[in-house]
Amino acid sequence: MTEYKTIYDSVQNVDNYSLNVCLRAWKLHEPNTEIELVDEELSNFDENEVKRVTRIALLCTQTSPMQRPPMSRVVAMLSGDIEAD
């Protein structure tokens, strides 16, 4: 029984962590400060790429499934074949 509790607790922690990352991303996206999501240890990165990928990720977290892009569109946006909405 303790194995199940350990797994349950782990899943709950991951879900809470993911939720907190998403909430932080939204808060930083609104004032156009997504760069603050980047790990401080990372010194060489493209700021525009961070903003673009964050925008795509946030599109995928819309509350309504109808507002989320299909995976084919997500892949095309990540590949740079189409612009992120």
C-alpha atoms as a PDB file:
ATOM      1  CA  MET A   1       0.000   0.000   0.000  1.00  0.00           C
ATOM      2  CA  THR A   2       2.848   2.444   0.714  1.00  0.00           C
ATOM      3  CA  GLU A   3       4.125   1.985  -2.859  1.00  0.00           C
ATOM      4  CA  TYR A   4       0.843   3.333  -4.194  1.00  0.00           C
ATOM      5  CA  LYS A   5       0.945   6.254  -1.800  1.00  0.00           C
ATOM      6  CA  THR A   6       4.503   7.076  -2.875  1.00  0.00           C
ATOM      7  CA  ILE A   7       3.524   6.967  -6.547  1.00  0.00           C
ATOM      8  CA  TYR A   8       0.402   9.045  -5.846  1.00  0.00           C
ATOM      9  CA  ASP A   9       2.438  11.636  -3.945  1.00  0.00           C
ATOM     10  CA  SER A  10       4.988  11.784  -6.777  1.00  0.00           C
ATOM     11  CA  VAL A  11       2.290  12.325  -9.377  1.00  0.00           C
ATOM     12  CA  GLN A  12       0.665  15.014  -7.256  1.00  0.00           C
ATOM     13  CA  ASN A  13       4.007  16.819  -6.895  1.00  0.00           C
ATOM     14  CA  VAL A  14       4.659  16.689 -10.630  1.00  0.00           C
ATOM     15  CA  ASP A  15       1.182  18.015 -11.340  1.00  0.00           C
ATOM     16  CA  ASN A  16       1.650  20.851  -8.847  1.00  0.00           C
ATOM     17  CA  TYR A  17       5.054  21.675 -10.308  1.00  0.00           C
ATOM     18  CA  SER A  18       3.667  21.667 -13.859  1.00  0.00           C
ATOM     19  CA  LEU A  19       0.764  23.833 -12.833  1.00  0.00           C
ATOM     20  CA  ASN A  20       3.100  26.312 -11.152  1.00  0.00           C
ATOM     21  CA  VAL A  21       5.327  26.463 -14.254  1.00  0.00           C
ATOM     22  CA  CYS A  22       2.284  27.116 -16.457  1.00  0.00           C
ATOM     23  CA  LEU A  23       0.977  29.825 -14.144  1.00  0.00           C
ATOM     24  CA  ARG A  24       4.377  31.483 -14.031  1.00  0.00           C
ATOM     25  CA  ALA A  25       4.675  31.292 -17.821  1.00  0.00           C
ATOM     26  CA  TRP A  26       1.300  33.021 -18.225  1.00  0.00           C
ATOM     27  CA  LYS A  27       2.266  35.732 -15.742  1.00  0.00           C
ATOM     28  CA  LEU A  28       5.557  36.351 -17.545  1.00  0.00           C
ATOM     29  CA  HIS A  29       4.002  36.184 -21.013  1.00  0.00           C
ATOM     30  CA  GLU A  30       1.504  38.950 -20.384  1.00  0.00           C
ATOM     31  CA  PRO A  31       4.140  41.662 -19.703  1.00  0.00           C
ATOM     32  CA  ASN A  32       6.419  40.126 -22.393  1.00  0.00           C
ATOM     33  CA  THR A  33       9.043  38.917 -19.883  1.00  0.00           C
ATOM     34  CA  GLU A  34       9.179  35.210 -20.819  1.00  0.00           C
ATOM     35  CA  ILE A  35      12.974  35.371 -20.657  1.00  0.00           C
ATOM     36  CA  GLU A  36      12.693  35.049 -16.872  1.00  0.00           C
ATOM     37  CA  LEU A  37      11.657  31.400 -17.434  1.00  0.00           C
ATOM     38  CA  VAL A  38      15.149  30.556 -18.695  1.00  0.00           C
ATOM     39  CA  ASP A  39      17.481  28.880 -16.211  1.00  0.00           C
ATOM     40  CA  GLU A  40      20.000  31.373 -14.825  1.00  0.00           C
ATOM     41  CA  GLU A  41      22.803  28.915 -15.616  1.00  0.00           C
ATOM     42  CA  LEU A  42      22.022  29.099 -19.346  1.00  0.00           C
ATOM     43  CA  SER A  43      23.990  31.962 -20.849  1.00  0.00           C
ATOM     44  CA  ASN A  44      23.670  31.376 -24.588  1.00  0.00           C
ATOM     45  CA  PHE A  45      20.115  31.352 -25.951  1.00  0.00           C
ATOM     46  CA  ASP A  46      17.938  33.123 -28.481  1.00  0.00           C
ATOM     47  CA  GLU A  47      15.444  35.392 -26.706  1.00  0.00           C
ATOM     48  CA  ASN A  48      13.050  35.344 -29.659  1.00  0.00           C
ATOM     49  CA  GLU A  49      13.085  31.551 -29.645  1.00  0.00           C
ATOM     50  CA  VAL A  50      12.224  31.511 -25.938  1.00  0.00           C
ATOM     51  CA  LYS A  51       9.267  33.813 -26.564  1.00  0.00           C
ATOM     52  CA  ARG A  52       8.110  31.804 -29.595  1.00  0.00           C
ATOM     53  CA  VAL A  53       8.268  28.426 -27.854  1.00  0.00           C
ATOM     54  CA  THR A  54       6.580  29.828 -24.747  1.00  0.00           C
ATOM     55  CA  ARG A  55       3.773  31.226 -26.896  1.00  0.00           C
ATOM     56  CA  ILE A  56       3.295  27.806 -28.545  1.00  0.00           C
ATOM     57  CA  ALA A  57       3.318  26.042 -25.176  1.00  0.00           C
ATOM     58  CA  LEU A  58       0.697  28.417 -23.804  1.00  0.00           C
ATOM     59  CA  LEU A  59      -1.519  27.786 -26.823  1.00  0.00           C
ATOM     60  CA  CYS A  60      -1.449  24.109 -25.851  1.00  0.00           C
ATOM     61  CA  THR A  61      -2.630  24.864 -22.308  1.00  0.00           C
ATOM     62  CA  GLN A  62      -5.865  26.632 -23.186  1.00  0.00           C
ATOM     63  CA  THR A  63      -8.746  25.592 -20.933  1.00  0.00           C
ATOM     64  CA  SER A  64     -11.055  24.779 -23.820  1.00  0.00           C
ATOM     65  CA  PRO A  65      -9.912  21.942 -26.098  1.00  0.00           C
ATOM     66  CA  MET A  66     -11.452  23.840 -29.015  1.00  0.00           C
ATOM     67  CA  GLN A  67      -8.963  26.677 -28.452  1.00  0.00           C
ATOM     68  CA  ARG A  68      -5.935  24.349 -28.449  1.00  0.00           C
ATOM     69  CA  PRO A  69      -4.165  23.759 -31.763  1.00  0.00           C
ATOM     70  CA  PRO A  70      -4.054  20.219 -33.169  1.00  0.00           C
ATOM     71  CA  MET A  71      -0.696  18.464 -32.758  1.00  0.00           C
ATOM     72  CA  SER A  72       0.018  18.732 -36.485  1.00  0.00           C
ATOM     73  CA  ARG A  73      -0.183  22.519 -36.148  1.00  0.00           C
ATOM     74  CA  VAL A  74       1.957  22.477 -32.982  1.00  0.00           C
ATOM     75  CA  VAL A  75       4.644  20.478 -34.799  1.00  0.00           C
ATOM     76  CA  ALA A  76       4.491  22.896 -37.759  1.00  0.00           C
ATOM     77  CA  MET A  77       4.830  25.878 -35.400  1.00  0.00           C
ATOM     78  CA  LEU A  78       7.748  24.282 -33.545  1.00  0.00           C
ATOM     79  CA  SER A  79       9.414  23.431 -36.856  1.00  0.00           C
ATOM     80  CA  GLY A  80       9.022  27.016 -38.001  1.00  0.00           C
ATOM     81  CA  ASP A  81       6.859  26.024 -40.983  1.00  0.00           C
ATOM     82  CA  ILE A  82       4.034  28.304 -39.775  1.00  0.00           C
ATOM     83  CA  GLU A  83       3.841  31.239 -37.391  1.00  0.00           C
ATOM     84  CA  ALA A  84       2.693  30.738 -33.812  1.00  0.00           C
ATOM     85  CA  ASP A  85      -0.793  32.226 -33.433  1.00  0.00           C
END
